[in-house]
Amino acid sequence: MLPASSTQAAATRAFGINPQGDIVGVYIDATGTHGFLLRR
C-alpha cells in the first residue's frame, strides 16, 4: 500500500491500476481537480 495523498490535496482518489502497477486517479486542491499517473 502506498500513501496517495498530498498535504495540499483536499481529496485523492485512485481509479485504476494496470498489471505493471501504474495507478491513475484524481486529486483536488485549492486550484481545482487534477489527474495523476503514478508509475512504478
Protein backbone atom coordinates (compact mmCIF):
# COMPACT_ATOMS: atom_id res chain seq x y z
CA MET A 1 0.00 0.00 0.00
CA LEU A 2 1.28 3.46 -0.92
CA PRO A 3 0.10 6.75 0.52
CA ALA A 4 -1.65 8.53 -2.34
CA SER A 5 -2.21 11.98 -0.98
CA SER A 6 -0.50 15.31 -0.77
CA THR A 7 -0.51 17.64 2.20
CA GLN A 8 -2.02 20.22 -0.19
CA ALA A 9 -4.78 17.95 -1.53
CA ALA A 10 -8.28 18.12 -0.10
CA ALA A 11 -9.06 14.70 -1.60
CA THR A 12 -7.30 11.97 -3.59
CA ARG A 13 -8.95 9.08 -5.43
CA ALA A 14 -7.38 6.23 -7.38
CA PHE A 15 -9.50 4.82 -10.22
CA GLY A 16 -7.40 2.06 -11.68
CA ILE A 17 -4.20 0.05 -11.67
CA ASN A 18 -2.66 -1.85 -14.57
CA PRO A 19 -0.66 -5.12 -14.49
CA GLN A 20 2.60 -3.13 -14.29
CA GLY A 21 1.42 -1.45 -11.08
CA ASP A 22 0.78 2.03 -12.53
CA ILE A 23 -2.06 3.86 -10.77
CA VAL A 24 -4.34 6.51 -12.32
CA GLY A 25 -6.62 8.85 -10.41
CA VAL A 26 -7.50 12.40 -9.45
CA TYR A 27 -6.80 14.83 -6.65
CA ILE A 28 -8.48 18.08 -5.64
CA ASP A 29 -6.61 21.09 -4.31
CA ALA A 30 -7.17 24.83 -4.00
CA THR A 31 -6.77 25.34 -7.76
CA GLY A 32 -9.18 22.60 -8.92
CA THR A 33 -9.30 18.94 -9.91
CA HIS A 34 -6.23 17.31 -11.48
CA GLY A 35 -5.42 13.87 -12.86
CA PHE A 36 -2.37 11.85 -11.92
CA LEU A 37 -0.44 8.82 -13.12
CA LEU A 38 1.78 7.16 -10.53
CA ARG A 39 4.30 4.92 -12.31
CA ARG A 40 6.21 2.15 -10.57
